[in-house]
Each structure stands twice: as C-alpha cells, then as structure tokens.
N, C-alpha and C. Protein backbone atom coordinates (compact mmCIF):
# COMPACT_ATOMS: atom_id res chain seq x y z
N UNK A 1 156.77 83.75 88.76
CA UNK A 1 155.42 84.40 89.44
C UNK A 1 156.21 83.76 91.10
N UNK A 2 155.40 84.91 91.76
CA UNK A 2 155.70 84.29 93.17
C UNK A 2 154.12 83.21 93.55
N UNK A 3 154.47 82.82 94.59
CA UNK A 3 154.10 81.65 95.22
C UNK A 3 152.41 81.96 95.71
N UNK A 4 152.37 82.96 96.14
CA UNK A 4 151.36 83.71 96.66
C UNK A 4 150.51 84.00 95.49
N UNK A 5 150.76 84.74 94.43
CA UNK A 5 150.60 84.43 93.30
C UNK A 5 149.95 83.70 92.58
N UNK A 6 150.52 82.66 92.34
CA UNK A 6 150.00 81.53 91.76
C UNK A 6 148.93 80.66 92.78
N UNK A 7 148.97 81.14 94.20
CA UNK A 7 147.87 80.44 94.73
C UNK A 7 146.89 81.28 95.03
N UNK A 8 146.72 82.26 94.86
CA UNK A 8 145.68 83.37 93.94
C UNK A 8 144.77 83.06 92.77
N UNK A 9 145.54 82.59 91.88
CA UNK A 9 145.25 82.30 90.74
C UNK A 9 144.62 81.05 90.84
N UNK A 10 144.90 80.11 91.58
CA UNK A 10 144.40 79.07 91.51
C UNK A 10 142.99 78.89 92.73
N UNK A 11 143.10 79.95 93.37
CA UNK A 11 141.50 80.00 94.37
C UNK A 11 140.75 80.45 93.49
N UNK A 12 140.86 81.71 92.65
CA UNK A 12 140.23 81.91 91.60
C UNK A 12 139.72 81.13 90.85
N UNK A 13 140.56 80.42 90.20
CA UNK A 13 139.99 79.37 89.14
C UNK A 13 139.11 78.54 89.87
N UNK A 14 139.09 78.09 91.13
CA UNK A 14 138.48 77.08 91.90
C UNK A 14 136.93 77.80 92.44
N UNK A 15 137.17 79.72 92.81
CA UNK A 15 136.45 79.94 93.67
C UNK A 15 135.24 80.75 92.05
N UNK A 16 135.21 81.18 91.45
CA UNK A 16 134.85 81.99 90.37
C UNK A 16 133.61 80.86 89.94
N UNK A 17 133.92 79.73 89.22
CA UNK A 17 132.61 79.25 88.92
C UNK A 17 131.92 78.20 89.91
N UNK A 18 132.31 78.34 91.00
CA UNK A 18 131.33 77.56 92.32
C UNK A 18 130.52 78.75 92.56
N UNK A 19 131.45 80.35 92.84
CA UNK A 19 130.47 81.52 92.97
C UNK A 19 129.57 81.46 91.84
N UNK A 20 129.45 81.38 90.88
CA UNK A 20 128.81 81.71 89.80
C UNK A 20 127.57 80.66 89.68
N UNK A 21 127.68 79.38 90.21
CA UNK A 21 126.78 78.47 90.15
C UNK A 21 125.53 79.07 91.31
N UNK A 22 125.72 79.98 92.27
CA UNK A 22 125.10 80.70 92.99
C UNK A 22 124.43 81.64 92.31
N UNK A 23 124.80 82.38 91.13
CA UNK A 23 124.27 83.32 90.70
C UNK A 23 122.90 83.68 89.76
N UNK A 24 122.47 82.31 89.76
CA UNK A 24 120.89 82.60 88.62
C UNK A 24 120.04 82.71 89.47
N UNK A 25 120.42 82.09 91.14
CA UNK A 25 119.46 82.86 92.39
C UNK A 25 119.19 84.33 92.63
N UNK A 26 120.73 84.67 92.57
CA UNK A 26 120.69 85.85 92.94
C UNK A 26 120.31 87.23 91.67
N UNK A 27 120.59 86.59 90.65
CA UNK A 27 120.74 87.28 89.06
C UNK A 27 118.49 87.85 89.05
N UNK A 28 118.18 86.64 89.56
CA UNK A 28 116.59 86.39 89.38
C UNK A 28 116.27 87.43 90.43
N UNK A 29 116.88 87.25 91.69
CA UNK A 29 116.50 88.66 92.61
C UNK A 29 116.64 89.84 92.14
N UNK A 30 117.74 90.15 91.54
CA UNK A 30 118.35 91.23 91.39
C UNK A 30 117.30 92.40 89.79
N UNK A 31 116.95 91.25 88.68
CA UNK A 31 116.53 91.79 87.71
C UNK A 31 114.89 92.31 88.21
N UNK A 32 114.79 91.10 89.30
CA UNK A 32 113.11 91.72 89.41
C UNK A 32 111.93 91.02 88.47
N UNK A 33 112.33 90.13 87.52
CA UNK A 33 111.50 89.72 87.07
C UNK A 33 110.89 88.23 87.32
N UNK A 34 109.41 88.53 87.39
CA UNK A 34 108.33 87.57 88.02
C UNK A 34 108.62 86.62 87.33
N UNK A 35 108.47 85.54 88.87
CA UNK A 35 107.87 84.29 88.22
C UNK A 35 106.66 83.81 87.95
N UNK A 36 106.60 82.63 87.44
CA UNK A 36 105.04 82.61 87.04
C UNK A 36 104.28 82.55 87.81
N UNK A 37 102.78 83.06 88.14
CA UNK A 37 101.91 83.41 89.41
C UNK A 37 100.98 83.83 88.74
N UNK A 38 100.01 84.28 89.63
CA UNK A 38 98.87 84.60 89.38
C UNK A 38 98.79 86.50 89.11
N UNK A 39 98.11 86.59 88.05
CA UNK A 39 98.03 88.33 88.24
C UNK A 39 98.10 89.19 89.31
N UNK A 40 97.25 88.63 90.53
CA UNK A 40 97.65 89.93 91.13
C UNK A 40 99.10 89.62 92.36
N UNK A 41 99.67 88.60 91.77
CA UNK A 41 101.39 88.64 92.58
C UNK A 41 102.03 88.92 91.80
N UNK A 42 101.82 89.18 90.26
CA UNK A 42 102.39 89.90 89.25
C UNK A 42 102.18 91.25 89.35
N UNK A 43 101.07 91.80 89.82
CA UNK A 43 100.66 93.40 89.82
C UNK A 43 101.65 93.66 91.25
N UNK A 44 101.63 93.03 91.99
CA UNK A 44 102.80 93.52 93.14
C UNK A 44 104.23 93.12 93.03
N UNK A 45 104.31 92.55 91.92
CA UNK A 45 105.81 92.13 91.77
C UNK A 45 106.62 93.44 90.52
N UNK A 46 105.61 93.78 89.72
CA UNK A 46 105.59 94.99 88.24
C UNK A 46 105.63 96.18 89.29
N UNK A 47 105.04 96.39 90.83
CA UNK A 47 105.15 98.25 91.48
C UNK A 47 106.86 99.16 91.38
N UNK A 48 107.34 98.28 91.92
CA UNK A 48 109.00 98.83 92.14
C UNK A 48 109.33 98.97 90.63
N UNK A 49 109.01 98.27 89.82
CA UNK A 49 110.00 98.85 88.59
C UNK A 49 109.14 100.22 88.04
N UNK A 50 107.68 100.15 87.93
CA UNK A 50 106.83 101.19 87.58
C UNK A 50 107.01 102.54 88.25
N UNK A 51 106.75 101.93 89.74
CA UNK A 51 107.57 103.41 90.76
C UNK A 51 108.67 104.45 90.30
N UNK A 52 109.67 103.47 90.09
CA UNK A 52 110.68 104.27 89.82
C UNK A 52 110.85 104.87 88.89
N UNK A 53 110.10 105.03 87.56
CA UNK A 53 109.87 105.58 86.56
C UNK A 53 109.54 107.22 86.87
N UNK A 54 109.28 107.35 87.90
CA UNK A 54 108.65 108.64 88.48
C UNK A 54 109.53 109.34 89.28
N UNK A 55 110.46 108.47 90.11
CA UNK A 55 111.60 109.47 90.93
C UNK A 55 111.94 111.12 90.53
N UNK A 56 112.00 112.19 91.39
CA UNK A 56 112.53 112.74 90.72
C UNK A 56 111.48 114.21 89.83
N UNK A 57 109.98 113.02 89.24
CA UNK A 57 109.02 114.20 88.61
C UNK A 57 108.80 115.11 88.96
N UNK A 58 108.50 116.27 88.85
CA UNK A 58 107.52 117.47 89.06
C UNK A 58 106.56 117.73 89.41
N UNK A 59 105.70 117.89 91.09
CA UNK A 59 104.54 117.75 91.63
C UNK A 59 104.05 119.19 91.10
N UNK A 60 102.90 119.07 90.42
CA UNK A 60 101.62 119.93 89.98
C UNK A 60 100.48 119.49 90.45
N UNK A 61 99.93 120.07 91.19
CA UNK A 61 98.20 119.72 91.24
C UNK A 61 97.67 119.44 89.92
N UNK A 62 97.13 118.23 90.10
CA UNK A 62 96.55 118.01 88.50
C UNK A 62 97.48 117.49 87.53
N UNK A 63 98.49 117.68 88.03
CA UNK A 63 99.33 116.65 86.71
C UNK A 63 99.31 115.45 86.25
N UNK A 64 99.16 115.28 85.34
CA UNK A 64 99.03 114.07 84.43
C UNK A 64 100.14 113.63 83.93
N UNK A 65 101.12 112.50 84.66
CA UNK A 65 102.22 112.47 84.02
C UNK A 65 102.66 111.87 82.11
N UNK A 66 101.80 111.38 81.71
CA UNK A 66 101.79 111.22 80.15
C UNK A 66 101.47 112.30 79.87
N UNK A 67 100.67 112.91 80.33
CA UNK A 67 100.38 114.41 79.40
C UNK A 67 101.33 115.66 79.88
N UNK A 68 101.35 115.67 81.11
CA UNK A 68 102.40 117.08 81.16
C UNK A 68 103.54 116.83 81.96
N UNK A 69 103.93 115.26 82.09
CA UNK A 69 105.43 115.57 82.91
C UNK A 69 105.63 115.59 84.09
N UNK A 70 104.28 115.96 84.83
CA UNK A 70 104.36 116.32 85.91
C UNK A 70 103.09 115.79 86.92
N UNK A 71 102.78 115.70 88.04
CA UNK A 71 102.20 114.70 88.86
C UNK A 71 101.81 115.24 90.23
N UNK A 72 101.00 114.67 90.88
CA UNK A 72 100.24 114.99 92.19
C UNK A 72 100.13 113.38 92.95
N UNK A 73 99.56 113.20 93.84
CA UNK A 73 99.52 112.04 94.55
C UNK A 73 98.90 111.51 94.01
N UNK A 74 97.44 111.94 93.66
CA UNK A 74 96.11 110.74 93.00
C UNK A 74 96.89 110.30 91.60
N UNK A 75 97.32 110.91 91.19
CA UNK A 75 97.91 111.06 89.64
C UNK A 75 98.73 109.66 89.60
N UNK A 76 99.98 110.24 90.72
CA UNK A 76 101.18 109.13 90.58
C UNK A 76 101.16 107.73 91.38
N UNK A 77 99.88 107.85 91.88
CA UNK A 77 99.51 106.32 92.26
C UNK A 77 98.58 105.86 91.02
N UNK A 78 97.51 106.40 90.61
CA UNK A 78 96.89 105.73 89.73
C UNK A 78 97.94 105.39 88.69
N UNK A 79 98.71 106.43 88.13
CA UNK A 79 100.21 105.89 87.10
C UNK A 79 100.20 104.44 87.41
N UNK A 80 101.14 104.30 89.01
CA UNK A 80 102.24 103.23 89.48
C UNK A 80 101.13 101.80 89.31
N UNK A 81 99.62 101.89 89.46
CA UNK A 81 98.68 100.69 89.86
C UNK A 81 98.50 100.74 88.34
N UNK A 82 98.11 101.87 87.50
CA UNK A 82 97.67 101.02 86.39
C UNK A 82 99.23 100.42 84.98
N UNK A 83 100.34 101.14 85.73
CA UNK A 83 101.58 100.06 84.63
C UNK A 83 101.41 98.94 84.94
N UNK A 84 101.35 99.01 86.52
CA UNK A 84 101.83 97.51 87.02
C UNK A 84 100.54 96.63 87.22
N UNK A 85 99.53 97.02 86.76
CA UNK A 85 98.21 96.02 86.27
C UNK A 85 98.42 95.56 84.94
N UNK A 86 98.81 96.52 83.84
CA UNK A 86 98.76 96.78 82.48
C UNK A 86 100.07 95.26 82.42
N UNK A 87 101.31 95.47 82.83
CA UNK A 87 102.12 94.41 83.03
C UNK A 87 101.76 93.15 83.37
N UNK A 88 100.93 93.09 84.21
CA UNK A 88 100.59 92.06 84.71
C UNK A 88 99.44 91.22 83.82
N UNK A 89 98.52 91.83 83.25
CA UNK A 89 97.70 91.37 82.73
C UNK A 89 96.14 91.87 82.98
N UNK A 90 96.07 93.10 83.48
CA UNK A 90 94.84 93.06 84.45
C UNK A 90 94.92 94.52 84.06
N UNK A 91 93.60 95.17 84.33
CA UNK A 91 93.74 96.44 84.18
C UNK A 91 93.13 97.13 85.24
N UNK A 92 93.76 98.36 85.95
CA UNK A 92 93.35 99.12 87.34
C UNK A 92 91.89 99.89 86.87
N UNK A 93 90.78 99.92 87.70
CA UNK A 93 89.57 100.19 87.37
C UNK A 93 89.80 101.35 87.02
N UNK A 94 90.06 102.53 87.78
CA UNK A 94 90.25 104.22 86.86
C UNK A 94 90.47 105.14 87.94
N UNK A 95 91.29 106.40 87.30
CA UNK A 95 91.57 107.20 87.81
C UNK A 95 90.32 107.28 89.71
N UNK A 96 91.00 108.00 90.70
CA UNK A 96 90.58 108.37 91.82
C UNK A 96 91.28 109.37 92.26
N UNK A 97 90.32 110.43 92.94
CA UNK A 97 90.92 111.43 93.29
C UNK A 97 91.27 110.47 95.06
N UNK A 98 92.45 111.25 95.73
CA UNK A 98 92.97 110.46 96.98
C UNK A 98 91.85 109.95 97.92
N UNK A 99 90.68 111.00 98.38
CA UNK A 99 89.47 110.72 99.33
C UNK A 99 89.05 109.38 98.65
N UNK A 100 88.58 109.46 97.47
CA UNK A 100 87.65 108.56 97.09
C UNK A 100 88.52 107.16 96.64
N UNK A 101 90.06 107.35 96.19
CA UNK A 101 90.84 105.83 96.53
C UNK A 101 90.96 105.23 97.87
N UNK A 102 91.18 106.26 98.96
CA UNK A 102 91.31 105.88 100.12
C UNK A 102 90.06 105.21 100.76
N UNK A 103 88.72 105.73 100.01
CA UNK A 103 87.57 104.84 100.99
C UNK A 103 87.09 103.61 99.97
N UNK A 104 88.32 103.25 98.97
CA UNK A 104 88.19 101.85 98.56
C UNK A 104 90.03 101.05 98.86
N UNK A 105 89.82 101.28 100.20
CA UNK A 105 90.77 100.37 100.33
C UNK A 105 90.58 99.86 102.02
N UNK A 106 91.18 99.11 102.21
CA UNK A 106 90.90 98.23 103.83
C UNK A 106 92.44 98.24 104.74
N UNK A 107 92.20 98.77 105.92
CA UNK A 107 93.27 98.22 106.77
C UNK A 107 93.85 97.45 106.74
N UNK A 108 95.44 97.11 106.64
CA UNK A 108 96.16 95.58 106.72
C UNK A 108 97.19 95.68 108.04
N UNK A 109 97.82 94.78 108.80
CA UNK A 109 98.81 94.75 109.84
C UNK A 109 100.39 95.25 109.07
N UNK A 110 101.21 95.69 109.52
CA UNK A 110 101.97 96.62 109.14
C UNK A 110 102.80 95.28 108.71
N UNK A 111 102.60 94.22 109.41
CA UNK A 111 103.26 92.07 109.35
C UNK A 111 103.22 92.05 107.53
N UNK A 112 102.05 92.70 107.50
CA UNK A 112 101.02 92.30 106.07
C UNK A 112 101.58 93.42 104.76
N UNK A 113 102.49 94.40 105.40
CA UNK A 113 102.16 95.03 103.74
C UNK A 113 103.49 94.17 102.69
N UNK A 114 102.76 94.93 101.32
CA UNK A 114 102.95 94.27 100.27
C UNK A 114 103.56 95.70 99.82
N UNK A 115 104.49 94.86 98.50
CA UNK A 115 104.17 96.38 97.36
C UNK A 115 103.12 96.66 96.89
N UNK A 116 102.64 98.02 96.96
CA UNK A 116 101.60 98.44 96.52
C UNK A 116 100.88 99.27 97.76
N UNK A 117 100.89 99.11 98.97
CA UNK A 117 100.25 99.52 99.94
C UNK A 117 100.60 100.26 100.15
N UNK A 118 99.70 101.35 101.17
CA UNK A 118 100.10 102.60 101.68
C UNK A 118 99.92 102.97 102.64
N UNK A 119 100.83 104.31 103.06
CA UNK A 119 101.00 104.47 104.45
C UNK A 119 100.21 105.78 104.35
N UNK A 120 99.11 105.65 105.39
CA UNK A 120 98.14 106.97 105.41
C UNK A 120 98.24 107.81 106.82
N UNK A 121 98.63 108.75 106.49
CA UNK A 121 98.41 110.06 107.91
C UNK A 121 97.22 110.50 108.12
N UNK A 122 97.23 111.03 109.42
CA UNK A 122 95.51 111.19 110.12
C UNK A 122 95.17 111.90 109.17
N UNK A 123 95.78 113.15 108.44
CA UNK A 123 94.74 114.15 107.66
C UNK A 123 94.95 113.69 106.16
N UNK A 124 94.85 112.18 106.13
CA UNK A 124 94.92 111.17 104.42
C UNK A 124 95.67 111.88 104.32
N UNK A 125 96.68 112.18 103.93
CA UNK A 125 98.04 112.03 103.17
C UNK A 125 98.39 110.74 102.95
N UNK A 126 98.84 110.57 102.02
CA UNK A 126 99.33 108.86 101.72
C UNK A 126 100.90 108.94 100.94
N UNK A 127 101.56 107.72 101.23
CA UNK A 127 102.65 107.31 100.32
C UNK A 127 102.81 105.99 100.23
N UNK A 128 102.71 105.48 98.90
CA UNK A 128 102.66 104.31 98.58
C UNK A 128 104.05 103.41 98.93
N UNK A 129 103.84 102.39 99.63
CA UNK A 129 104.86 101.31 99.79
C UNK A 129 105.48 100.72 98.37
N UNK A 130 106.30 100.98 97.97
CA UNK A 130 106.59 100.77 96.55
C UNK A 130 107.31 99.25 96.19
N UNK A 131 108.26 99.09 97.56
CA UNK A 131 108.87 97.74 97.52
C UNK A 131 109.22 97.48 99.15
N UNK A 132 108.96 96.10 99.43
CA UNK A 132 109.01 95.48 100.57
C UNK A 132 110.41 94.82 100.60
N UNK A 133 111.67 94.87 101.33
CA UNK A 133 112.87 94.29 100.96
C UNK A 133 112.29 93.16 102.09
N UNK A 134 113.43 91.53 101.66
CA UNK A 134 113.33 90.29 102.10
C UNK A 134 113.30 90.73 103.87
N UNK A 135 113.94 91.71 104.32
CA UNK A 135 114.50 91.83 105.51
C UNK A 135 113.17 92.56 106.34
N UNK A 136 111.98 92.80 105.70
CA UNK A 136 111.03 93.62 106.18
C UNK A 136 111.01 95.76 105.90
N UNK A 137 112.75 96.18 105.52
CA UNK A 137 112.24 97.30 105.43
C UNK A 137 111.61 98.00 104.07
N UNK A 138 110.98 98.68 104.27
CA UNK A 138 110.13 99.17 103.29
C UNK A 138 110.53 100.46 102.99
N UNK A 139 110.34 101.10 101.20
CA UNK A 139 110.20 102.15 100.88
C UNK A 139 109.01 102.59 100.07
N UNK A 140 109.05 103.74 100.34
CA UNK A 140 107.86 104.63 99.90
C UNK A 140 108.06 105.45 98.77
N UNK A 141 106.81 106.22 98.19
CA UNK A 141 107.46 107.22 97.27
C UNK A 141 105.58 107.83 97.42
N UNK A 142 106.40 109.08 97.15
CA UNK A 142 104.95 110.73 97.43
C UNK A 142 105.16 111.88 96.36
N UNK A 143 104.02 112.10 96.12
CA UNK A 143 104.35 113.28 95.37
C UNK A 143 104.32 114.47 96.58
N UNK A 144 105.75 115.08 96.80
CA UNK A 144 105.79 115.97 97.86
C UNK A 144 105.68 117.46 97.67
N UNK A 145 104.95 118.05 98.00
CA UNK A 145 104.45 119.62 97.45
C UNK A 145 105.86 120.21 98.14
N UNK A 146 106.20 120.13 99.08
CA UNK A 146 107.34 120.86 99.75
C UNK A 146 108.56 120.79 99.09
N UNK A 147 108.66 119.64 98.65
CA UNK A 147 110.01 119.59 97.67
C UNK A 147 109.87 119.49 96.35
N UNK A 148 109.21 119.87 95.96
CA UNK A 148 107.74 120.04 94.48
C UNK A 148 108.59 118.78 93.36
N UNK A 149 108.86 117.38 94.02
CA UNK A 149 109.32 116.38 93.11
C UNK A 149 108.53 115.52 94.26
N UNK A 150 108.68 114.29 93.33
CA UNK A 150 108.33 112.82 93.80
C UNK A 150 109.32 112.70 94.47
N UNK A 151 109.23 112.03 95.36
CA UNK A 151 110.17 111.87 96.69
C UNK A 151 110.29 109.95 97.02
N UNK A 152 111.35 110.06 97.25
CA UNK A 152 111.12 108.52 98.12
C UNK A 152 112.34 108.39 99.72
N UNK A 153 111.95 107.90 100.33
CA UNK A 153 112.78 107.58 101.72
C UNK A 153 111.89 105.90 102.16
N UNK A 154 112.40 105.60 103.29
CA UNK A 154 112.42 104.00 103.89
C UNK A 154 112.35 104.45 105.06
N UNK A 155 111.91 102.43 105.78
CA UNK A 155 111.80 102.88 107.47
C UNK A 155 112.77 102.98 107.50
N UNK A 156 113.90 102.76 107.36
CA UNK A 156 115.15 102.87 108.20
C UNK A 156 115.32 104.76 108.57
N UNK A 157 114.47 105.64 107.41
CA UNK A 157 114.91 106.82 107.37
C UNK A 157 114.30 107.49 108.71
N UNK A 158 114.98 108.45 109.23
CA UNK A 158 114.56 109.26 110.96
C UNK A 158 112.95 110.07 110.61
N UNK A 159 112.88 110.45 109.05
CA UNK A 159 111.64 111.19 108.60
C UNK A 159 110.57 109.88 108.70
N UNK A 160 110.44 108.76 108.79
CA UNK A 160 109.61 107.89 108.73
C UNK A 160 109.19 107.63 110.26
N UNK A 161 110.34 108.03 111.20
CA UNK A 161 109.86 107.70 112.60
C UNK A 161 109.32 108.90 113.55
N UNK A 162 110.23 110.21 112.63
CA UNK A 162 109.98 111.33 113.34
C UNK A 162 108.74 111.86 112.44
N UNK A 163 108.26 111.48 111.52
CA UNK A 163 106.69 112.45 111.18
C UNK A 163 105.97 111.72 110.62
N UNK A 164 106.31 110.13 109.80
CA UNK A 164 105.34 109.69 109.47
C UNK A 164 104.38 108.73 110.40
N UNK A 165 105.52 108.35 111.53
CA UNK A 165 104.84 107.26 112.34
C UNK A 165 104.21 108.15 113.38
N UNK A 166 104.39 109.75 113.58
CA UNK A 166 103.60 110.23 114.61
C UNK A 166 102.77 110.96 114.03
N UNK A 167 102.24 110.85 113.11
CA UNK A 167 101.23 111.07 112.51
C UNK A 167 100.55 109.95 111.41
N UNK A 168 100.26 108.92 112.32
CA UNK A 168 100.09 107.43 111.22
C UNK A 168 98.93 107.23 111.51
N UNK A 169 98.18 107.05 110.94
CA UNK A 169 96.30 106.39 110.62
C UNK A 169 96.74 104.78 111.07
N UNK A 170 97.36 104.42 109.45
CA UNK A 170 97.43 102.99 109.31
C UNK A 170 98.06 102.81 107.86
N UNK A 171 97.94 101.16 107.95
CA UNK A 171 98.47 100.61 106.82
C UNK A 171 97.57 100.32 105.81
N UNK A 172 96.79 100.93 104.65
CA UNK A 172 95.73 100.28 103.83
C UNK A 172 96.54 99.90 102.45
N UNK A 173 94.99 98.59 101.97
CA UNK A 173 95.90 97.71 100.92
C UNK A 173 94.07 98.16 100.12
N UNK A 174 94.69 98.52 98.65
CA UNK A 174 93.62 98.76 97.53
C UNK A 174 92.60 97.48 97.59
N UNK A 175 91.08 97.94 97.57
CA UNK A 175 90.23 96.28 97.75
C UNK A 175 90.24 96.05 96.41
N UNK A 176 90.64 94.46 96.09
CA UNK A 176 90.50 93.73 94.98
C UNK A 176 90.03 94.04 93.60
N UNK A 177 88.58 94.55 94.02
CA UNK A 177 87.63 95.01 92.74
C UNK A 177 88.43 96.10 92.09
N UNK A 178 89.00 96.88 92.62
CA UNK A 178 90.09 97.78 91.33
C UNK A 178 90.93 96.94 90.53
N UNK A 179 91.09 95.93 90.82
CA UNK A 179 91.89 95.35 89.54
C UNK A 179 90.92 94.02 89.04
N UNK A 180 90.82 94.31 87.81
CA UNK A 180 90.10 92.97 87.09
C UNK A 180 91.53 92.98 85.88
N UNK A 181 90.58 91.68 85.18
CA UNK A 181 91.27 91.07 83.88
C UNK A 181 91.27 92.00 82.93
N UNK A 182 92.21 92.06 82.53
CA UNK A 182 92.21 93.55 80.79
C UNK A 182 91.51 92.51 79.98
N UNK A 183 91.08 93.43 78.99
CA UNK A 183 89.93 93.23 78.18
C UNK A 183 91.09 92.83 77.39
N UNK A 184 89.73 91.68 76.58
CA UNK A 184 90.94 91.39 74.90
C UNK A 184 90.46 91.92 73.62
N UNK A 185 91.54 91.93 73.39
CA UNK A 185 91.35 92.51 71.96
C UNK A 185 90.86 91.82 70.83
C-alpha cells in the first residue's frame, strides 16, 4: 500500500471513534425524541412529526383528514394539535372553526415563537409554525386552496417576505386552557 493510503486509514481509525462520541447528541437532535419534560413542552416537541404527516394532503373545505383524507386549515390545525397533545399525554379541547380558534389565542412577539404557534394575516388567514430551527428559522404549514394541497414554506422563503409579512397581523399562541390532562380510562 502507498504511504498516503496507510495514513488515511490511520486517520480514519482515530477519527471515527472520536466522531462517534459526538453522535448521541446529534442523534437525539435528529430523531426528535422528546426528553423527559412537562406535557406542555412535550406537546410542542411532537408538533413537527405530527405536522409532517399532512404534507401534500388534498385541500377540501370541511375535509376531515381521518375520514376523507383531505383537510382545510381548521381541520389541519385541529389534527396537528390533537395528535401532538395525545402523544404528550394531554387532550386538545375540541375542533373549532378558524375564527373561534383565533379568538382562543393571544399575541406573542416574534422572538417568542415556538412549534405550534400561528402566523396570522390581516384577513385572519393563518399558517402554523410547525418547527423552529435552533438558528431561529421558522417552518410553516397551511392548507392552500390555491395549490389544492397542504403546503409548507420557511422564513427564508421569498413568499414569507413578499406575501406573509406584507399582510402580517401577528404571531399568536393558543391559550393554555385548550390543552387539558388526558382522561384516564
């Protein structure tokens, strides 16, 4: 073998175990398995994995994902909140049309945004922040009538600046009383 090949093999023999020692922390981040925490924190940690199940789902007014395989914004948000609450040992209060849901939220500052918060436009159309990256980039999900399917975008996207921030009303969080301890059977 050439000397450079032997050198590369030796470096790999040293580097792989060293790099592997960092893997548990990286794997925990990647797998999004929640750490032991309060149910409210777990609820937010489960939002991304629940939301991803709806990517590309057909949009139909009044569509109920479990029954029709389609959704609208109200049913999309209800389904995500319900799924995340159930996994966190909570229950989400009830289905609400968008205007009623928005009346059960409170305004938050942009730097406070977490998974499950809403970005709301002046016409009360909303998208859910389904994930906030450690660097602060937000990922959104909503039922797009124009595209006919559940759509995602992020805060680096030109659409975020050119449309969402142009018509921006604010960021909102559901009120705490919408999440309750799960009923024991």
